[in-house]
Amino acid sequence: MKKLLPYFTLCFALLLSSFIARPTTDGYKVGDKATDFKLKNIDGKMVSLADNKAAKGYIVVFTCNTCPFAKAYESRIVDLNTKYASKGYPVVAINPNDPAVSPGDSYTDMQKKKYAFPYLVDESQQVAKTYGATRTPHLYVLTRQGNDFVVSYIGAIDDNSEDATLVKTKYVENAMTEILAGKPAITNSTKAIGCTIKWKRA
């Protein structure tokens, strides 16, 4: 029974999140140029995509402290940074949740995380809206083209949000293999699975 509890928790969170209203926005599509942002990191410094001149691209993931899906994927997000930062594609994590709705996503609580990559607060939620992010986690791979960053992949990290050991298809890693080879990702869009972003109340 204990082994089933995480599964039931994830299912309940997904069911509950489906009833939460969220802004209607199309957001980015694959091939779109991503507008740069400037958001506060957990170390207090402001971070933008333009800061890292050596970056060939970024793995931008909208995530949070509280969602069971985000928690389940936390180590996998860390692994993506470990694997691809050295190849020029570091992770940039962004928390878009309103702490008034989700108190565990306050900036103070974010600062308890010890990541080797930026963990930024999207206080206005405008970056999430611009990207079209709706869930945590929701991932975007950006590839540098000149001075621009172009969206090359959107969606889920892999095909098993419950158990990393049971993953059959690693969507992001497959996309990155193709991108690093100078090719477009064959599967460039999948459905993000997670809790809905906790938007500010009207």
N, C-alpha and C. Protein backbone atom coordinates (compact mmCIF):
# COMPACT_ATOMS: atom_id res chain seq x y z
N MET A 1 0.83 -1.21 0.00
CA MET A 1 0.00 0.00 0.00
C MET A 1 0.86 1.26 0.00
N LYS A 2 1.98 1.22 0.78
CA LYS A 2 2.86 2.39 0.85
C LYS A 2 3.43 2.72 -0.51
N LYS A 3 3.71 1.68 -1.33
CA LYS A 3 4.28 1.91 -2.65
C LYS A 3 3.28 2.61 -3.57
N LEU A 4 1.99 2.41 -3.29
CA LEU A 4 0.95 3.00 -4.13
C LEU A 4 0.64 4.45 -3.77
N LEU A 5 1.03 4.87 -2.57
CA LEU A 5 0.70 6.22 -2.12
C LEU A 5 1.23 7.31 -3.03
N PRO A 6 2.53 7.26 -3.46
CA PRO A 6 3.01 8.30 -4.38
C PRO A 6 2.20 8.35 -5.67
N TYR A 7 1.80 7.18 -6.17
CA TYR A 7 1.01 7.13 -7.41
C TYR A 7 -0.33 7.81 -7.20
N PHE A 8 -1.02 7.49 -6.07
CA PHE A 8 -2.32 8.11 -5.80
C PHE A 8 -2.18 9.62 -5.60
N THR A 9 -1.09 10.02 -4.96
CA THR A 9 -0.85 11.45 -4.74
C THR A 9 -0.70 12.18 -6.05
N LEU A 10 0.06 11.59 -6.98
CA LEU A 10 0.25 12.20 -8.30
C LEU A 10 -1.07 12.27 -9.05
N CYS A 11 -1.83 11.20 -9.02
CA CYS A 11 -3.12 11.17 -9.73
C CYS A 11 -4.08 12.22 -9.16
N PHE A 12 -4.11 12.34 -7.83
CA PHE A 12 -5.00 13.32 -7.21
C PHE A 12 -4.58 14.73 -7.57
N ALA A 13 -3.26 14.99 -7.57
CA ALA A 13 -2.77 16.33 -7.91
C ALA A 13 -3.11 16.70 -9.34
N LEU A 14 -2.98 15.72 -10.24
CA LEU A 14 -3.30 15.99 -11.65
C LEU A 14 -4.78 16.23 -11.83
N LEU A 15 -5.61 15.44 -11.15
CA LEU A 15 -7.06 15.62 -11.24
C LEU A 15 -7.48 16.98 -10.69
N LEU A 16 -6.93 17.33 -9.54
CA LEU A 16 -7.26 18.61 -8.92
C LEU A 16 -6.81 19.77 -9.79
N SER A 17 -5.62 19.66 -10.35
CA SER A 17 -5.07 20.76 -11.14
C SER A 17 -5.87 21.01 -12.41
N SER A 18 -6.55 19.98 -12.90
CA SER A 18 -7.31 20.15 -14.14
C SER A 18 -8.51 21.06 -13.97
N PHE A 19 -8.91 21.30 -12.70
CA PHE A 19 -10.05 22.15 -12.45
C PHE A 19 -9.66 23.59 -12.12
N ILE A 20 -8.36 23.87 -12.09
CA ILE A 20 -7.89 25.21 -11.75
C ILE A 20 -7.79 26.05 -13.01
N ALA A 21 -8.42 27.21 -12.99
CA ALA A 21 -8.40 28.08 -14.18
C ALA A 21 -7.01 28.61 -14.42
N ARG A 22 -6.67 28.81 -15.67
CA ARG A 22 -5.37 29.37 -16.03
C ARG A 22 -5.54 30.29 -17.22
N PRO A 23 -4.65 31.25 -17.36
CA PRO A 23 -4.76 32.19 -18.47
C PRO A 23 -4.73 31.48 -19.81
N THR A 24 -5.47 32.00 -20.75
CA THR A 24 -5.44 31.44 -22.10
C THR A 24 -4.36 32.15 -22.89
N THR A 25 -3.39 31.40 -23.33
CA THR A 25 -2.29 31.96 -24.12
C THR A 25 -1.74 30.88 -25.01
N ASP A 26 -1.39 31.24 -26.21
CA ASP A 26 -0.82 30.27 -27.14
C ASP A 26 0.63 29.99 -26.79
N GLY A 27 1.35 31.05 -26.38
CA GLY A 27 2.75 30.87 -26.03
C GLY A 27 3.59 30.53 -27.24
N TYR A 28 4.81 30.06 -26.97
CA TYR A 28 5.74 29.74 -28.04
C TYR A 28 5.40 28.43 -28.72
N LYS A 29 5.76 28.38 -29.99
CA LYS A 29 5.73 27.15 -30.76
C LYS A 29 7.18 26.84 -31.16
N VAL A 30 7.45 25.60 -31.53
CA VAL A 30 8.78 25.24 -32.01
C VAL A 30 9.12 26.10 -33.22
N GLY A 31 10.31 26.69 -33.20
CA GLY A 31 10.74 27.57 -34.28
C GLY A 31 10.63 29.04 -33.93
N ASP A 32 9.90 29.37 -32.84
CA ASP A 32 9.76 30.77 -32.42
C ASP A 32 11.03 31.26 -31.75
N LYS A 33 11.30 32.55 -31.87
CA LYS A 33 12.39 33.18 -31.14
C LYS A 33 11.90 33.52 -29.73
N ALA A 34 12.69 33.14 -28.75
CA ALA A 34 12.32 33.40 -27.36
C ALA A 34 12.82 34.77 -26.93
N THR A 35 11.94 35.55 -26.36
CA THR A 35 12.31 36.86 -25.83
C THR A 35 13.10 36.67 -24.54
N ASP A 36 14.16 37.44 -24.37
CA ASP A 36 14.95 37.32 -23.15
C ASP A 36 14.16 37.85 -21.96
N PHE A 37 14.59 37.45 -20.79
CA PHE A 37 13.95 37.90 -19.54
C PHE A 37 15.05 38.26 -18.56
N LYS A 38 14.65 38.88 -17.47
CA LYS A 38 15.58 39.19 -16.38
C LYS A 38 14.84 38.91 -15.08
N LEU A 39 15.20 37.80 -14.44
CA LEU A 39 14.51 37.36 -13.24
C LEU A 39 15.49 37.15 -12.09
N LYS A 40 14.98 37.24 -10.87
CA LYS A 40 15.83 37.12 -9.69
C LYS A 40 16.09 35.66 -9.33
N ASN A 41 17.38 35.35 -9.17
CA ASN A 41 17.81 34.02 -8.76
C ASN A 41 17.72 33.89 -7.23
N ILE A 42 17.82 32.66 -6.75
CA ILE A 42 17.74 32.46 -5.30
C ILE A 42 18.94 33.04 -4.56
N ASP A 43 20.01 33.41 -5.29
CA ASP A 43 21.15 34.07 -4.64
C ASP A 43 20.99 35.59 -4.64
N GLY A 44 19.85 36.08 -5.14
CA GLY A 44 19.57 37.51 -5.14
C GLY A 44 20.00 38.23 -6.40
N LYS A 45 20.76 37.56 -7.26
CA LYS A 45 21.24 38.19 -8.49
C LYS A 45 20.21 38.06 -9.60
N MET A 46 20.21 39.03 -10.50
CA MET A 46 19.31 39.00 -11.65
C MET A 46 19.97 38.19 -12.76
N VAL A 47 19.18 37.36 -13.43
CA VAL A 47 19.70 36.46 -14.46
C VAL A 47 18.91 36.63 -15.75
N SER A 48 19.64 36.66 -16.87
CA SER A 48 19.01 36.69 -18.18
C SER A 48 19.71 35.69 -19.09
N LEU A 49 19.08 35.35 -20.20
CA LEU A 49 19.69 34.41 -21.14
C LEU A 49 20.96 34.99 -21.75
N ALA A 50 20.98 36.30 -21.91
CA ALA A 50 22.12 36.96 -22.54
C ALA A 50 23.38 36.94 -21.68
N ASP A 51 23.23 36.64 -20.40
CA ASP A 51 24.37 36.68 -19.48
C ASP A 51 25.46 35.69 -19.85
N ASN A 52 25.06 34.52 -20.31
CA ASN A 52 26.02 33.45 -20.61
C ASN A 52 26.37 33.49 -22.10
N LYS A 53 27.45 34.17 -22.41
CA LYS A 53 27.85 34.35 -23.82
C LYS A 53 28.28 33.04 -24.47
N ALA A 54 28.70 32.08 -23.66
CA ALA A 54 29.18 30.81 -24.20
C ALA A 54 28.06 29.80 -24.43
N ALA A 55 26.86 30.11 -23.95
CA ALA A 55 25.76 29.15 -24.07
C ALA A 55 25.37 28.92 -25.52
N LYS A 56 25.27 27.66 -25.89
CA LYS A 56 24.77 27.30 -27.22
C LYS A 56 23.24 27.24 -27.21
N GLY A 57 22.71 27.23 -26.02
CA GLY A 57 21.27 27.16 -25.83
C GLY A 57 20.97 26.98 -24.35
N TYR A 58 19.73 26.71 -24.05
CA TYR A 58 19.32 26.50 -22.66
C TYR A 58 18.24 25.44 -22.58
N ILE A 59 18.20 24.78 -21.44
CA ILE A 59 17.07 23.93 -21.10
C ILE A 59 16.30 24.69 -20.03
N VAL A 60 15.23 25.34 -20.44
CA VAL A 60 14.42 26.16 -19.54
C VAL A 60 13.26 25.32 -19.03
N VAL A 61 13.16 25.19 -17.71
CA VAL A 61 12.09 24.38 -17.15
C VAL A 61 11.32 25.17 -16.10
N PHE A 62 10.01 25.24 -16.30
CA PHE A 62 9.13 25.85 -15.31
C PHE A 62 8.78 24.77 -14.31
N THR A 63 9.15 25.01 -13.05
CA THR A 63 8.96 24.02 -12.00
C THR A 63 8.67 24.73 -10.69
N CYS A 64 8.60 24.00 -9.61
CA CYS A 64 8.27 24.63 -8.32
C CYS A 64 8.71 23.73 -7.17
N ASN A 65 8.42 24.17 -5.95
CA ASN A 65 8.79 23.41 -4.76
C ASN A 65 7.76 22.37 -4.37
N THR A 66 6.49 22.62 -4.69
CA THR A 66 5.40 21.92 -4.02
C THR A 66 4.71 20.82 -4.83
N CYS A 67 4.67 20.94 -6.13
CA CYS A 67 3.94 19.98 -6.95
C CYS A 67 4.56 18.59 -6.86
N PRO A 68 3.77 17.54 -6.63
CA PRO A 68 4.32 16.18 -6.57
C PRO A 68 5.05 15.78 -7.86
N PHE A 69 4.59 16.27 -9.00
CA PHE A 69 5.25 15.96 -10.26
C PHE A 69 6.61 16.65 -10.33
N ALA A 70 6.66 17.91 -9.90
CA ALA A 70 7.92 18.65 -9.89
C ALA A 70 8.92 17.96 -8.95
N LYS A 71 8.44 17.49 -7.82
CA LYS A 71 9.30 16.79 -6.88
C LYS A 71 9.82 15.48 -7.48
N ALA A 72 8.93 14.78 -8.19
CA ALA A 72 9.33 13.52 -8.80
C ALA A 72 10.39 13.72 -9.88
N TYR A 73 10.35 14.88 -10.52
CA TYR A 73 11.28 15.16 -11.61
C TYR A 73 12.53 15.94 -11.17
N GLU A 74 12.59 16.33 -9.91
CA GLU A 74 13.68 17.19 -9.46
C GLU A 74 15.06 16.60 -9.77
N SER A 75 15.27 15.34 -9.42
CA SER A 75 16.59 14.74 -9.65
C SER A 75 16.86 14.60 -11.14
N ARG A 76 15.82 14.40 -11.94
CA ARG A 76 16.01 14.28 -13.39
C ARG A 76 16.37 15.62 -14.02
N ILE A 77 15.84 16.70 -13.45
CA ILE A 77 16.21 18.04 -13.92
C ILE A 77 17.67 18.32 -13.57
N VAL A 78 18.07 17.93 -12.37
CA VAL A 78 19.48 18.07 -11.96
C VAL A 78 20.38 17.28 -12.91
N ASP A 79 19.93 16.07 -13.27
CA ASP A 79 20.72 15.23 -14.17
C ASP A 79 20.85 15.86 -15.56
N LEU A 80 19.81 16.53 -16.03
CA LEU A 80 19.88 17.19 -17.34
C LEU A 80 20.96 18.27 -17.33
N ASN A 81 21.02 19.02 -16.23
CA ASN A 81 22.05 20.06 -16.15
C ASN A 81 23.44 19.43 -16.10
N THR A 82 23.59 18.36 -15.32
CA THR A 82 24.87 17.67 -15.21
C THR A 82 25.34 17.17 -16.58
N LYS A 83 24.41 16.67 -17.36
CA LYS A 83 24.75 16.07 -18.64
C LYS A 83 24.99 17.10 -19.74
N TYR A 84 24.20 18.20 -19.74
CA TYR A 84 24.23 19.09 -20.90
C TYR A 84 24.83 20.48 -20.67
N ALA A 85 25.03 20.89 -19.42
CA ALA A 85 25.65 22.20 -19.18
C ALA A 85 27.05 22.24 -19.79
N SER A 86 27.79 21.16 -19.66
CA SER A 86 29.15 21.10 -20.21
C SER A 86 29.16 21.08 -21.74
N LYS A 87 28.01 20.76 -22.32
CA LYS A 87 27.88 20.76 -23.78
C LYS A 87 27.30 22.07 -24.30
N GLY A 88 27.12 23.03 -23.37
CA GLY A 88 26.65 24.35 -23.78
C GLY A 88 25.17 24.59 -23.59
N TYR A 89 24.47 23.65 -22.96
CA TYR A 89 23.03 23.77 -22.74
C TYR A 89 22.70 23.61 -21.25
N PRO A 90 22.96 24.64 -20.45
CA PRO A 90 22.66 24.55 -19.03
C PRO A 90 21.16 24.66 -18.77
N VAL A 91 20.77 24.16 -17.62
CA VAL A 91 19.38 24.29 -17.16
C VAL A 91 19.17 25.66 -16.54
N VAL A 92 18.02 26.26 -16.82
CA VAL A 92 17.54 27.43 -16.10
C VAL A 92 16.14 27.08 -15.61
N ALA A 93 15.98 26.99 -14.29
CA ALA A 93 14.69 26.66 -13.70
C ALA A 93 13.96 27.93 -13.28
N ILE A 94 12.66 27.96 -13.52
CA ILE A 94 11.85 29.13 -13.20
C ILE A 94 10.62 28.69 -12.42
N ASN A 95 10.39 29.33 -11.28
CA ASN A 95 9.19 29.04 -10.48
C ASN A 95 8.14 30.13 -10.76
N PRO A 96 7.04 29.77 -11.44
CA PRO A 96 6.02 30.75 -11.77
C PRO A 96 4.86 30.82 -10.79
N ASN A 97 4.85 29.95 -9.78
CA ASN A 97 3.69 29.87 -8.89
C ASN A 97 3.54 31.11 -8.01
N ASP A 98 2.29 31.51 -7.81
CA ASP A 98 1.99 32.62 -6.90
C ASP A 98 2.03 32.09 -5.47
N PRO A 99 2.94 32.59 -4.62
CA PRO A 99 3.03 32.08 -3.25
C PRO A 99 1.80 32.38 -2.39
N ALA A 100 0.96 33.33 -2.84
CA ALA A 100 -0.28 33.58 -2.12
C ALA A 100 -1.25 32.42 -2.29
N VAL A 101 -1.11 31.71 -3.41
CA VAL A 101 -1.93 30.54 -3.68
C VAL A 101 -1.23 29.27 -3.22
N SER A 102 0.09 29.25 -3.37
CA SER A 102 0.90 28.09 -3.00
C SER A 102 2.03 28.56 -2.08
N PRO A 103 1.76 28.67 -0.77
CA PRO A 103 2.73 29.25 0.17
C PRO A 103 4.10 28.57 0.17
N GLY A 104 4.15 27.30 -0.14
CA GLY A 104 5.43 26.60 -0.16
C GLY A 104 6.33 27.01 -1.31
N ASP A 105 5.82 27.88 -2.19
CA ASP A 105 6.60 28.37 -3.31
C ASP A 105 7.06 29.81 -3.11
N SER A 106 7.15 30.23 -1.86
CA SER A 106 7.65 31.56 -1.57
C SER A 106 9.13 31.65 -1.94
N TYR A 107 9.62 32.86 -2.13
CA TYR A 107 11.02 33.06 -2.46
C TYR A 107 11.93 32.50 -1.36
N THR A 108 11.51 32.67 -0.12
CA THR A 108 12.28 32.14 1.02
C THR A 108 12.39 30.62 0.94
N ASP A 109 11.29 29.97 0.59
CA ASP A 109 11.32 28.51 0.46
C ASP A 109 12.15 28.09 -0.75
N MET A 110 12.10 28.87 -1.81
CA MET A 110 12.92 28.58 -2.99
C MET A 110 14.40 28.61 -2.62
N GLN A 111 14.78 29.52 -1.74
CA GLN A 111 16.18 29.69 -1.38
C GLN A 111 16.75 28.49 -0.61
N LYS A 112 15.89 27.60 -0.17
CA LYS A 112 16.35 26.40 0.53
C LYS A 112 16.92 25.37 -0.45
N LYS A 113 16.62 25.55 -1.71
CA LYS A 113 17.14 24.64 -2.73
C LYS A 113 18.61 24.96 -3.02
N LYS A 114 19.39 23.94 -3.25
CA LYS A 114 20.82 24.11 -3.54
C LYS A 114 21.13 23.51 -4.90
N TYR A 115 20.79 24.26 -5.94
CA TYR A 115 21.01 23.78 -7.29
C TYR A 115 22.31 24.35 -7.86
N ALA A 116 22.86 23.65 -8.84
CA ALA A 116 24.05 24.13 -9.54
C ALA A 116 23.67 24.99 -10.73
N PHE A 117 22.41 25.30 -10.86
CA PHE A 117 21.90 26.13 -11.95
C PHE A 117 20.95 27.17 -11.37
N PRO A 118 20.64 28.21 -12.11
CA PRO A 118 19.73 29.25 -11.60
C PRO A 118 18.34 28.69 -11.30
N TYR A 119 17.76 29.16 -10.21
CA TYR A 119 16.36 28.87 -9.87
C TYR A 119 15.71 30.23 -9.67
N LEU A 120 14.97 30.67 -10.67
CA LEU A 120 14.48 32.03 -10.75
C LEU A 120 13.02 32.15 -10.34
N VAL A 121 12.67 33.29 -9.80
CA VAL A 121 11.27 33.54 -9.42
C VAL A 121 10.62 34.42 -10.49
N ASP A 122 9.52 33.94 -11.04
CA ASP A 122 8.75 34.69 -12.03
C ASP A 122 7.61 35.38 -11.30
N GLU A 123 7.97 36.42 -10.57
CA GLU A 123 7.02 37.06 -9.67
C GLU A 123 5.78 37.58 -10.38
N SER A 124 5.95 38.16 -11.55
CA SER A 124 4.80 38.70 -12.29
C SER A 124 4.08 37.62 -13.09
N GLN A 125 4.70 36.46 -13.23
CA GLN A 125 4.20 35.33 -14.03
C GLN A 125 4.18 35.63 -15.52
N GLN A 126 4.78 36.74 -15.92
CA GLN A 126 4.74 37.13 -17.32
C GLN A 126 5.59 36.23 -18.20
N VAL A 127 6.72 35.75 -17.66
CA VAL A 127 7.58 34.88 -18.46
C VAL A 127 6.85 33.56 -18.77
N ALA A 128 6.20 33.00 -17.76
CA ALA A 128 5.43 31.77 -17.97
C ALA A 128 4.33 31.98 -19.00
N LYS A 129 3.67 33.12 -18.93
CA LYS A 129 2.61 33.41 -19.89
C LYS A 129 3.17 33.58 -21.30
N THR A 130 4.32 34.24 -21.40
CA THR A 130 4.94 34.44 -22.71
C THR A 130 5.33 33.11 -23.34
N TYR A 131 5.88 32.22 -22.53
CA TYR A 131 6.28 30.91 -23.03
C TYR A 131 5.07 30.03 -23.33
N GLY A 132 3.98 30.27 -22.63
CA GLY A 132 2.82 29.40 -22.76
C GLY A 132 2.88 28.21 -21.82
N ALA A 133 3.71 28.32 -20.79
CA ALA A 133 3.81 27.25 -19.80
C ALA A 133 2.49 27.14 -19.03
N THR A 134 2.07 25.93 -18.79
CA THR A 134 0.82 25.71 -18.06
C THR A 134 0.99 24.78 -16.87
N ARG A 135 2.10 24.02 -16.84
CA ARG A 135 2.25 23.03 -15.79
C ARG A 135 3.66 23.04 -15.19
N THR A 136 3.78 22.41 -14.04
CA THR A 136 5.09 22.20 -13.45
C THR A 136 5.29 20.70 -13.28
N PRO A 137 6.32 20.15 -13.97
CA PRO A 137 7.28 20.85 -14.84
C PRO A 137 6.78 20.99 -16.28
N HIS A 138 7.26 22.03 -16.95
CA HIS A 138 7.00 22.28 -18.38
C HIS A 138 8.32 22.76 -18.96
N LEU A 139 8.84 22.04 -19.92
CA LEU A 139 10.22 22.25 -20.35
C LEU A 139 10.32 22.76 -21.79
N TYR A 140 11.30 23.66 -22.00
CA TYR A 140 11.58 24.25 -23.31
C TYR A 140 13.07 24.18 -23.58
N VAL A 141 13.46 23.60 -24.71
CA VAL A 141 14.86 23.64 -25.13
C VAL A 141 15.02 24.79 -26.12
N LEU A 142 15.96 25.67 -25.82
CA LEU A 142 16.26 26.81 -26.69
C LEU A 142 17.63 26.60 -27.32
N THR A 143 17.73 26.91 -28.61
CA THR A 143 18.99 26.77 -29.34
C THR A 143 19.42 28.12 -29.88
N ARG A 144 20.69 28.47 -29.65
CA ARG A 144 21.18 29.76 -30.13
C ARG A 144 21.30 29.77 -31.65
N GLN A 145 20.76 30.83 -32.25
CA GLN A 145 20.94 31.11 -33.67
C GLN A 145 21.35 32.58 -33.78
N GLY A 146 22.65 32.80 -33.93
CA GLY A 146 23.15 34.18 -33.91
C GLY A 146 22.98 34.76 -32.53
N ASN A 147 22.28 35.89 -32.45
CA ASN A 147 22.02 36.52 -31.16
C ASN A 147 20.67 36.10 -30.58
N ASP A 148 19.97 35.22 -31.28
CA ASP A 148 18.63 34.80 -30.85
C ASP A 148 18.67 33.40 -30.24
N PHE A 149 17.65 33.11 -29.45
CA PHE A 149 17.44 31.76 -28.95
C PHE A 149 16.10 31.27 -29.49
N VAL A 150 16.16 30.16 -30.20
CA VAL A 150 14.99 29.63 -30.90
C VAL A 150 14.49 28.37 -30.18
N VAL A 151 13.19 28.26 -30.04
CA VAL A 151 12.59 27.11 -29.37
C VAL A 151 12.73 25.87 -30.24
N SER A 152 13.35 24.84 -29.69
CA SER A 152 13.60 23.60 -30.45
C SER A 152 12.81 22.41 -29.92
N TYR A 153 12.36 22.50 -28.68
CA TYR A 153 11.57 21.41 -28.08
C TYR A 153 10.69 22.00 -26.99
N ILE A 154 9.47 21.46 -26.87
CA ILE A 154 8.54 21.89 -25.83
C ILE A 154 7.84 20.66 -25.26
N GLY A 155 7.72 20.60 -23.93
CA GLY A 155 6.87 19.56 -23.36
C GLY A 155 7.41 18.87 -22.14
N ALA A 156 7.30 17.54 -22.14
CA ALA A 156 7.66 16.72 -20.99
C ALA A 156 9.13 16.30 -21.05
N ILE A 157 9.64 15.89 -19.91
CA ILE A 157 11.02 15.42 -19.82
C ILE A 157 11.14 13.99 -20.35
N ASP A 158 10.18 13.16 -19.96
CA ASP A 158 10.16 11.77 -20.42
C ASP A 158 8.75 11.23 -20.30
N ASP A 159 8.59 9.92 -20.45
CA ASP A 159 7.24 9.35 -20.51
C ASP A 159 6.78 8.69 -19.22
N ASN A 160 7.47 8.95 -18.11
CA ASN A 160 7.01 8.37 -16.85
C ASN A 160 7.23 9.35 -15.70
N SER A 161 6.16 10.02 -15.32
CA SER A 161 6.25 11.03 -14.26
C SER A 161 6.30 10.40 -12.87
N GLU A 162 6.01 9.11 -12.78
CA GLU A 162 5.91 8.46 -11.48
C GLU A 162 7.21 7.79 -11.03
N ASP A 163 7.94 7.22 -11.99
CA ASP A 163 9.10 6.40 -11.61
C ASP A 163 10.18 6.52 -12.69
N ALA A 164 11.28 7.13 -12.35
CA ALA A 164 12.37 7.33 -13.31
C ALA A 164 12.95 6.02 -13.80
N THR A 165 12.85 4.96 -12.99
CA THR A 165 13.41 3.68 -13.39
C THR A 165 12.56 2.98 -14.45
N LEU A 166 11.33 3.47 -14.66
CA LEU A 166 10.43 2.83 -15.62
C LEU A 166 10.27 3.65 -16.91
N VAL A 167 11.11 4.66 -17.06
CA VAL A 167 11.05 5.49 -18.27
C VAL A 167 11.44 4.67 -19.49
N LYS A 168 10.63 4.79 -20.53
CA LYS A 168 10.93 4.11 -21.79
C LYS A 168 11.46 5.08 -22.85
N THR A 169 10.92 6.30 -22.83
CA THR A 169 11.35 7.29 -23.82
C THR A 169 11.76 8.57 -23.12
N LYS A 170 13.02 8.96 -23.29
CA LYS A 170 13.54 10.19 -22.71
C LYS A 170 13.44 11.30 -23.76
N TYR A 171 12.32 12.01 -23.75
CA TYR A 171 12.03 12.99 -24.81
C TYR A 171 13.12 14.05 -24.92
N VAL A 172 13.50 14.62 -23.80
CA VAL A 172 14.48 15.72 -23.83
C VAL A 172 15.85 15.19 -24.26
N GLU A 173 16.27 14.08 -23.71
CA GLU A 173 17.58 13.54 -24.08
C GLU A 173 17.63 13.15 -25.56
N ASN A 174 16.55 12.59 -26.06
CA ASN A 174 16.49 12.26 -27.49
C ASN A 174 16.59 13.52 -28.34
N ALA A 175 15.84 14.55 -27.92
CA ALA A 175 15.88 15.82 -28.65
C ALA A 175 17.27 16.42 -28.60
N MET A 176 17.92 16.36 -27.43
CA MET A 176 19.25 16.94 -27.29
C MET A 176 20.28 16.20 -28.14
N THR A 177 20.14 14.89 -28.26
CA THR A 177 21.06 14.12 -29.11
C THR A 177 21.01 14.63 -30.54
N GLU A 178 19.81 14.88 -31.02
CA GLU A 178 19.63 15.37 -32.39
C GLU A 178 20.09 16.82 -32.53
N ILE A 179 19.76 17.63 -31.55
CA ILE A 179 20.16 19.05 -31.60
C ILE A 179 21.68 19.18 -31.57
N LEU A 180 22.33 18.42 -30.71
CA LEU A 180 23.80 18.49 -30.62
C LEU A 180 24.48 17.97 -31.89
N ALA A 181 23.74 17.17 -32.65
CA ALA A 181 24.26 16.68 -33.93
C ALA A 181 23.96 17.66 -35.06
N GLY A 182 23.37 18.80 -34.71
CA GLY A 182 23.06 19.81 -35.71
C GLY A 182 21.78 19.55 -36.48
N LYS A 183 20.94 18.68 -35.93
CA LYS A 183 19.69 18.33 -36.60
C LYS A 183 18.50 18.82 -35.78
N PRO A 184 17.34 19.03 -36.41
CA PRO A 184 16.15 19.36 -35.63
C PRO A 184 15.68 18.12 -34.87
N ALA A 185 15.06 18.34 -33.73
CA ALA A 185 14.53 17.22 -32.94
C ALA A 185 13.40 16.56 -33.72
N ILE A 186 13.46 15.25 -33.84
CA ILE A 186 12.41 14.52 -34.55
C ILE A 186 11.08 14.64 -33.81
N THR A 187 11.12 14.37 -32.51
CA THR A 187 9.95 14.62 -31.65
C THR A 187 10.21 15.92 -30.93
N ASN A 188 9.61 17.01 -31.41
CA ASN A 188 9.91 18.33 -30.87
C ASN A 188 8.83 18.90 -29.97
N SER A 189 7.76 18.13 -29.77
CA SER A 189 6.69 18.62 -28.90
C SER A 189 5.95 17.44 -28.29
N THR A 190 5.79 17.48 -26.97
CA THR A 190 5.03 16.46 -26.25
C THR A 190 4.14 17.17 -25.23
N LYS A 191 3.24 16.43 -24.64
CA LYS A 191 2.33 17.00 -23.64
C LYS A 191 3.01 17.04 -22.28
N ALA A 192 3.10 18.22 -21.70
CA ALA A 192 3.66 18.36 -20.37
C ALA A 192 2.70 17.77 -19.34
N ILE A 193 3.22 16.96 -18.44
CA ILE A 193 2.42 16.35 -17.39
C ILE A 193 2.85 16.93 -16.05
N GLY A 194 1.90 17.47 -15.30
CA GLY A 194 2.24 18.05 -14.01
C GLY A 194 1.08 18.82 -13.42
N CYS A 195 1.34 19.51 -12.33
CA CYS A 195 0.31 20.35 -11.71
C CYS A 195 0.18 21.64 -12.52
N THR A 196 -1.02 22.18 -12.58
CA THR A 196 -1.16 23.45 -13.26
C THR A 196 -0.47 24.55 -12.47
N ILE A 197 0.05 25.53 -13.18
CA ILE A 197 0.69 26.67 -12.53
C ILE A 197 -0.35 27.39 -11.68
N LYS A 198 0.08 27.82 -10.50
CA LYS A 198 -0.83 28.51 -9.58
C LYS A 198 -0.81 30.01 -9.88
N TRP A 199 -1.76 30.41 -10.70
CA TRP A 199 -1.82 31.80 -11.16
C TRP A 199 -2.37 32.72 -10.08
N LYS A 200 -2.01 33.98 -10.19
CA LYS A 200 -2.52 34.97 -9.24
C LYS A 200 -4.04 35.05 -9.35
N ARG A 201 -4.68 35.19 -8.22
CA ARG A 201 -6.14 35.31 -8.20
C ARG A 201 -6.54 36.67 -8.78
N ALA A 202 -7.63 36.68 -9.52
CA ALA A 202 -8.11 37.93 -10.14
C ALA A 202 -8.60 38.88 -9.05
